[in-house]
Amino acid sequence: MPYLLSLLMLLCCSCSALNQKPKLLIACAANMQFAMEELSARFSQLSGIDCEIILASSGKLCAQIQEGAPYDLFISANQKYPEYLKKEQRTIGEIGVFAKGSLVLWTAQKLPHISWSSLLEQSIDHIAIANPKTAPYGLASKEALKKAGLWAELEHKLVYGESIAQTNQFILSGSADIGLTANAVVLAPALKAKGSWTAVPEQLYQPINQTLVKLKNGQANLESKEAFYQFLFSKEAKEILDTFGYETSLQKAADAVR
């Protein structure tokens, strides 16, 4: 993408002239933990800009931004929170949708096969999902269970993680027998061989759109924020996102289309 390359070159020259290395503080929805490790590393390699990633549920990060947390960019697992911050005039430019996530049912136990019917087995005592009040993946999990007609029957078995990251901990530690999490988690190299998983039918929940917005609170310069924003819409970023199971064919960002 010519615009992105020009912006990165400008940043590199500016940083050399000032003899200092810029840094971005990025508030990121926990479902993107593993993908963001690769994305931020590649961006830093290309631009010379370091990235510090703060992981939490989208709702918790939104609340921190409202309280004045000095984040430069916000990556949310829905459009609701960035749009809310935009209405409060805490953002810069447009909100970009750079990927769509998906839900899976995952267990760390050695089971030959898992499915929705697995949730009804008597051996399943605890089912982990992220908090529907603050985590978009948790809200999608609740919606899927309701549409499948399982919510009322299984609600007493549910244990709630503060975010997808904590939900994953419940599943991996055995605190929960099974759980609903992000597809990007089970496709991460560190977790690919752990347990069994199956995709949750996408018609059971609303699209989980991964969104990005630049923030006014952060200390980084606008050029650095813009460079990362544009990078997430680049071919290289798309290839990384694809390996983690994100759908990138429906990308849209007013700033990215010129």
Protein backbone atom coordinates (compact mmCIF):
# COMPACT_ATOMS: atom_id res chain seq x y z
CA MET A 1 0.00 0.00 0.00
CA PRO A 2 1.83 3.16 -1.20
CA TYR A 3 0.26 5.42 1.42
CA LEU A 4 1.39 3.14 4.24
CA LEU A 5 4.93 2.81 2.90
CA SER A 6 5.25 6.59 2.53
CA LEU A 7 4.01 7.11 6.07
CA LEU A 8 6.43 4.55 7.50
CA MET A 9 9.37 6.11 5.65
CA LEU A 10 8.42 9.55 6.94
CA LEU A 11 8.26 8.23 10.48
CA CYS A 12 11.64 6.53 10.24
CA CYS A 13 13.25 9.75 8.98
CA SER A 14 11.57 11.83 11.69
CA CYS A 15 12.71 9.46 14.43
CA SER A 16 16.29 9.49 13.20
CA ALA A 17 16.31 13.27 13.18
CA LEU A 18 15.03 13.44 16.73
CA ASN A 19 17.33 10.60 17.83
CA GLN A 20 14.55 8.98 19.84
CA LYS A 21 12.39 5.93 19.40
CA PRO A 22 8.62 6.50 19.47
CA LYS A 23 6.25 4.19 21.34
CA LEU A 24 2.58 3.36 21.01
CA LEU A 25 0.38 2.34 23.93
CA ILE A 26 -2.35 0.12 22.49
CA ALA A 27 -5.44 -0.95 24.43
CA CYS A 28 -6.40 -4.29 22.89
CA ALA A 29 -9.32 -6.67 23.33
CA ALA A 30 -8.03 -9.89 24.90
CA ASN A 31 -9.17 -12.15 22.04
CA MET A 32 -6.36 -10.68 19.92
CA GLN A 33 -3.61 -11.47 22.43
CA PHE A 34 -1.68 -13.92 20.25
CA ALA A 35 -2.38 -12.30 16.89
CA MET A 36 -1.35 -8.91 18.26
CA GLU A 37 2.01 -10.28 19.36
CA GLU A 38 2.82 -11.02 15.72
CA LEU A 39 1.17 -7.90 14.33
CA SER A 40 2.90 -5.48 16.68
CA ALA A 41 6.28 -7.19 16.22
CA ARG A 42 6.03 -6.88 12.44
CA PHE A 43 4.85 -3.28 12.64
CA SER A 44 7.78 -2.38 14.92
CA GLN A 45 10.18 -4.08 12.53
CA LEU A 46 8.85 -2.05 9.60
CA SER A 47 8.45 1.30 11.33
CA GLY A 48 10.92 1.37 14.22
CA ILE A 49 8.02 2.21 16.53
CA ASP A 50 7.74 0.13 19.70
CA CYS A 51 4.30 -1.06 20.82
CA GLU A 52 3.13 -1.78 24.35
CA ILE A 53 -0.05 -3.86 24.42
CA ILE A 54 -2.56 -3.66 27.29
CA LEU A 55 -4.99 -6.59 27.21
CA ALA A 56 -8.44 -6.65 28.82
CA SER A 57 -12.09 -6.94 27.88
CA SER A 58 -13.30 -4.29 25.44
CA GLY A 59 -15.71 -2.88 28.02
CA LYS A 60 -13.05 -2.56 30.72
CA LEU A 61 -10.65 -0.83 28.33
CA CYS A 62 -13.40 1.56 27.24
CA ALA A 63 -14.04 2.46 30.88
CA GLN A 64 -10.31 3.09 31.42
CA ILE A 65 -10.22 5.39 28.40
CA GLN A 66 -13.19 7.31 29.77
CA GLU A 67 -11.27 7.74 33.01
CA GLY A 68 -8.31 9.23 31.12
CA ALA A 69 -5.99 6.26 30.51
CA PRO A 70 -3.27 7.51 28.11
CA TYR A 71 -3.78 4.93 25.36
CA ASP A 72 -2.91 5.88 21.79
CA LEU A 73 -5.15 3.36 20.03
CA PHE A 74 -8.07 1.16 21.02
CA ILE A 75 -8.79 -2.23 19.48
CA SER A 76 -12.24 -3.45 20.46
CA ALA A 77 -14.08 -6.68 19.70
CA ASN A 78 -17.15 -4.69 18.72
CA GLN A 79 -18.09 -1.33 17.23
CA LYS A 80 -20.21 -0.26 20.18
CA TYR A 81 -17.39 0.90 22.45
CA PRO A 82 -15.39 2.85 19.83
CA GLU A 83 -18.58 4.53 18.64
CA TYR A 84 -19.40 5.50 22.21
CA LEU A 85 -15.94 7.03 22.66
CA LYS A 86 -16.31 8.88 19.36
CA LYS A 87 -19.56 10.44 20.57
CA GLU A 88 -17.68 11.59 23.67
CA GLN A 89 -15.08 13.20 21.36
CA ARG A 90 -12.25 11.05 22.71
CA THR A 91 -11.19 9.73 19.30
CA ILE A 92 -9.41 10.97 16.18
CA GLY A 93 -10.68 10.21 12.70
CA GLU A 94 -12.88 7.32 11.69
CA ILE A 95 -13.50 3.92 13.25
CA GLY A 96 -12.06 1.06 11.19
CA VAL A 97 -13.35 -2.52 11.01
CA PHE A 98 -10.30 -4.60 10.09
CA ALA A 99 -11.44 -8.17 10.83
CA LYS A 100 -14.26 -10.38 12.03
CA GLY A 101 -13.76 -12.90 14.80
CA SER A 102 -15.60 -16.14 15.50
CA LEU A 103 -16.52 -18.38 18.42
CA VAL A 104 -15.40 -21.90 19.18
CA LEU A 105 -16.25 -24.45 21.83
CA TRP A 106 -12.98 -25.58 23.45
CA THR A 107 -11.87 -28.08 26.07
CA ALA A 108 -8.40 -28.91 27.35
CA GLN A 109 -9.55 -32.41 28.22
CA LYS A 110 -8.64 -35.38 26.07
CA LEU A 111 -11.95 -35.95 24.33
CA PRO A 112 -12.29 -37.66 20.92
CA HIS A 113 -15.07 -35.31 19.84
CA ILE A 114 -16.94 -32.28 21.16
CA SER A 115 -20.17 -30.65 20.03
CA TRP A 116 -23.09 -28.68 21.43
CA SER A 117 -24.43 -31.94 22.87
CA SER A 118 -21.21 -32.21 24.92
CA LEU A 119 -22.43 -29.30 27.04
CA LEU A 120 -25.38 -31.39 28.23
CA GLU A 121 -23.31 -34.32 29.44
CA GLN A 122 -23.49 -35.03 33.17
CA SER A 123 -19.69 -35.04 33.40
CA ILE A 124 -19.62 -31.32 32.50
CA ASP A 125 -19.85 -29.34 35.73
CA HIS A 126 -18.47 -25.95 34.69
CA ILE A 127 -18.67 -24.10 31.37
CA ALA A 128 -16.54 -20.97 30.92
CA ILE A 129 -17.57 -17.89 28.96
CA ALA A 130 -16.37 -14.28 29.09
CA ASN A 131 -18.48 -11.76 30.99
CA PRO A 132 -21.32 -10.75 28.61
CA LYS A 133 -21.52 -7.32 30.26
CA THR A 134 -18.01 -6.23 29.28
CA ALA A 135 -16.66 -8.74 26.73
CA PRO A 136 -18.17 -8.92 23.22
CA TYR A 137 -17.18 -12.58 22.94
CA GLY A 138 -19.05 -13.24 26.17
CA LEU A 139 -22.12 -11.50 24.77
CA ALA A 140 -21.84 -13.58 21.60
CA SER A 141 -21.51 -16.74 23.72
CA LYS A 142 -24.68 -15.90 25.64
CA GLU A 143 -26.50 -15.16 22.40
CA ALA A 144 -25.37 -18.47 20.86
CA LEU A 145 -26.45 -20.49 23.89
CA LYS A 146 -29.84 -18.77 23.91
CA LYS A 147 -30.45 -19.28 20.20
CA ALA A 148 -29.45 -22.94 20.57
CA GLY A 149 -32.02 -23.27 23.36
CA LEU A 150 -29.39 -24.17 25.95
CA TRP A 151 -29.10 -21.05 28.11
CA ALA A 152 -31.79 -21.83 30.68
CA GLU A 153 -30.60 -25.41 31.10
CA LEU A 154 -26.90 -24.54 31.41
CA GLU A 155 -26.86 -21.16 33.14
CA HIS A 156 -26.20 -22.69 36.56
CA LYS A 157 -23.01 -24.31 35.18
CA LEU A 158 -21.52 -21.12 33.76
CA VAL A 159 -18.36 -19.52 35.16
CA TYR A 160 -17.49 -16.06 33.89
CA GLY A 161 -14.05 -14.81 32.94
CA GLU A 162 -13.36 -11.10 33.17
CA SER A 163 -12.13 -11.34 29.58
CA ILE A 164 -11.39 -13.98 26.96
CA ALA A 165 -7.89 -14.26 28.45
CA GLN A 166 -9.26 -15.28 31.85
CA THR A 167 -11.83 -17.56 30.20
CA ASN A 168 -8.93 -19.34 28.50
CA GLN A 169 -7.19 -19.74 31.85
CA PHE A 170 -10.29 -21.41 33.29
CA ILE A 171 -10.35 -23.87 30.40
CA LEU A 172 -6.61 -24.62 30.37
CA SER A 173 -6.37 -25.03 34.15
CA GLY A 174 -9.35 -27.39 34.30
CA SER A 175 -11.35 -24.97 36.47
CA ALA A 176 -13.90 -25.27 33.66
CA ASP A 177 -14.49 -28.52 31.81
CA ILE A 178 -15.25 -26.72 28.57
CA GLY A 179 -15.83 -23.17 27.38
CA LEU A 180 -16.53 -20.75 24.57
CA THR A 181 -13.64 -18.66 23.34
CA ALA A 182 -12.19 -16.97 20.26
CA ASN A 183 -11.14 -18.96 17.22
CA ALA A 184 -7.89 -16.99 17.22
CA VAL A 185 -6.96 -18.52 20.58
CA VAL A 186 -7.13 -22.17 19.52
CA LEU A 187 -5.22 -21.38 16.31
CA ALA A 188 -2.35 -19.70 18.19
CA PRO A 189 0.88 -21.73 17.80
CA ALA A 190 1.25 -22.06 21.58
CA LEU A 191 -2.21 -23.60 21.99
CA LYS A 192 -2.88 -25.49 18.74
CA ALA A 193 -2.10 -28.89 20.26
CA LYS A 194 -3.98 -28.35 23.51
CA GLY A 195 -7.31 -30.13 23.81
CA SER A 196 -10.14 -30.21 21.29
CA TRP A 197 -12.39 -27.58 19.76
CA THR A 198 -15.22 -27.11 17.33
CA ALA A 199 -16.60 -24.02 15.63
CA VAL A 200 -19.84 -22.47 16.89
CA PRO A 201 -22.28 -21.94 13.98
CA GLU A 202 -22.05 -18.26 13.03
CA GLN A 203 -25.80 -17.95 12.54
CA LEU A 204 -26.17 -18.28 16.32
CA TYR A 205 -24.56 -14.90 17.11
CA GLN A 206 -24.10 -11.41 15.72
CA PRO A 207 -20.82 -10.66 13.86
CA ILE A 208 -17.88 -10.03 16.19
CA ASN A 209 -16.25 -7.12 14.37
CA GLN A 210 -12.72 -6.20 15.41
CA THR A 211 -12.47 -2.41 15.31
CA LEU A 212 -9.70 0.13 15.65
CA VAL A 213 -9.75 3.80 16.54
CA LYS A 214 -7.10 6.42 17.27
CA LEU A 215 -7.40 8.15 20.65
CA LYS A 216 -6.78 11.71 21.82
CA ASN A 217 -5.45 10.77 25.27
CA GLY A 218 -2.25 9.10 24.11
CA GLN A 219 1.16 10.73 24.17
CA ALA A 220 2.39 9.42 20.80
CA ASN A 221 2.31 11.72 17.79
CA LEU A 222 -0.52 11.48 15.29
CA GLU A 223 1.77 10.13 12.56
CA SER A 224 2.66 7.09 14.69
CA LYS A 225 -0.98 6.41 15.49
CA GLU A 226 -1.92 6.75 11.84
CA ALA A 227 0.90 4.42 10.78
CA PHE A 228 -0.40 1.60 12.98
CA TYR A 229 -3.97 2.27 11.90
CA GLN A 230 -3.01 1.95 8.25
CA PHE A 231 -0.83 -1.10 8.93
CA LEU A 232 -3.81 -3.13 10.19
CA PHE A 233 -5.39 -2.70 6.75
CA SER A 234 -2.25 -3.68 4.86
CA LYS A 235 -1.78 -6.93 2.94
CA GLU A 236 0.89 -8.05 5.39
CA ALA A 237 -1.36 -7.57 8.41
CA LYS A 238 -4.19 -9.32 6.61
CA GLU A 239 -2.00 -12.37 6.04
CA ILE A 240 -1.19 -12.54 9.76
CA LEU A 241 -4.84 -12.13 10.74
CA ASP A 242 -5.84 -14.88 8.30
CA THR A 243 -3.54 -17.38 10.02
CA PHE A 244 -5.43 -16.76 13.28
CA GLY A 245 -8.79 -17.41 11.70
CA TYR A 246 -10.00 -13.83 11.42
CA GLU A 247 -12.07 -12.92 8.37
CA THR A 248 -10.58 -9.89 6.65
CA SER A 249 -12.52 -9.79 3.39
CA LEU A 250 -15.05 -7.29 4.79
CA GLN A 251 -12.56 -4.66 5.94
CA LYS A 252 -13.84 -1.12 5.98
CA ALA A 253 -12.27 2.08 7.18
CA ALA A 254 -12.97 5.55 5.94
CA ASP A 255 -9.41 6.60 6.64
CA ALA A 256 -7.94 3.60 4.83
CA VAL A 257 -9.78 4.16 1.55
CA ARG A 258 -8.38 7.21 -0.17
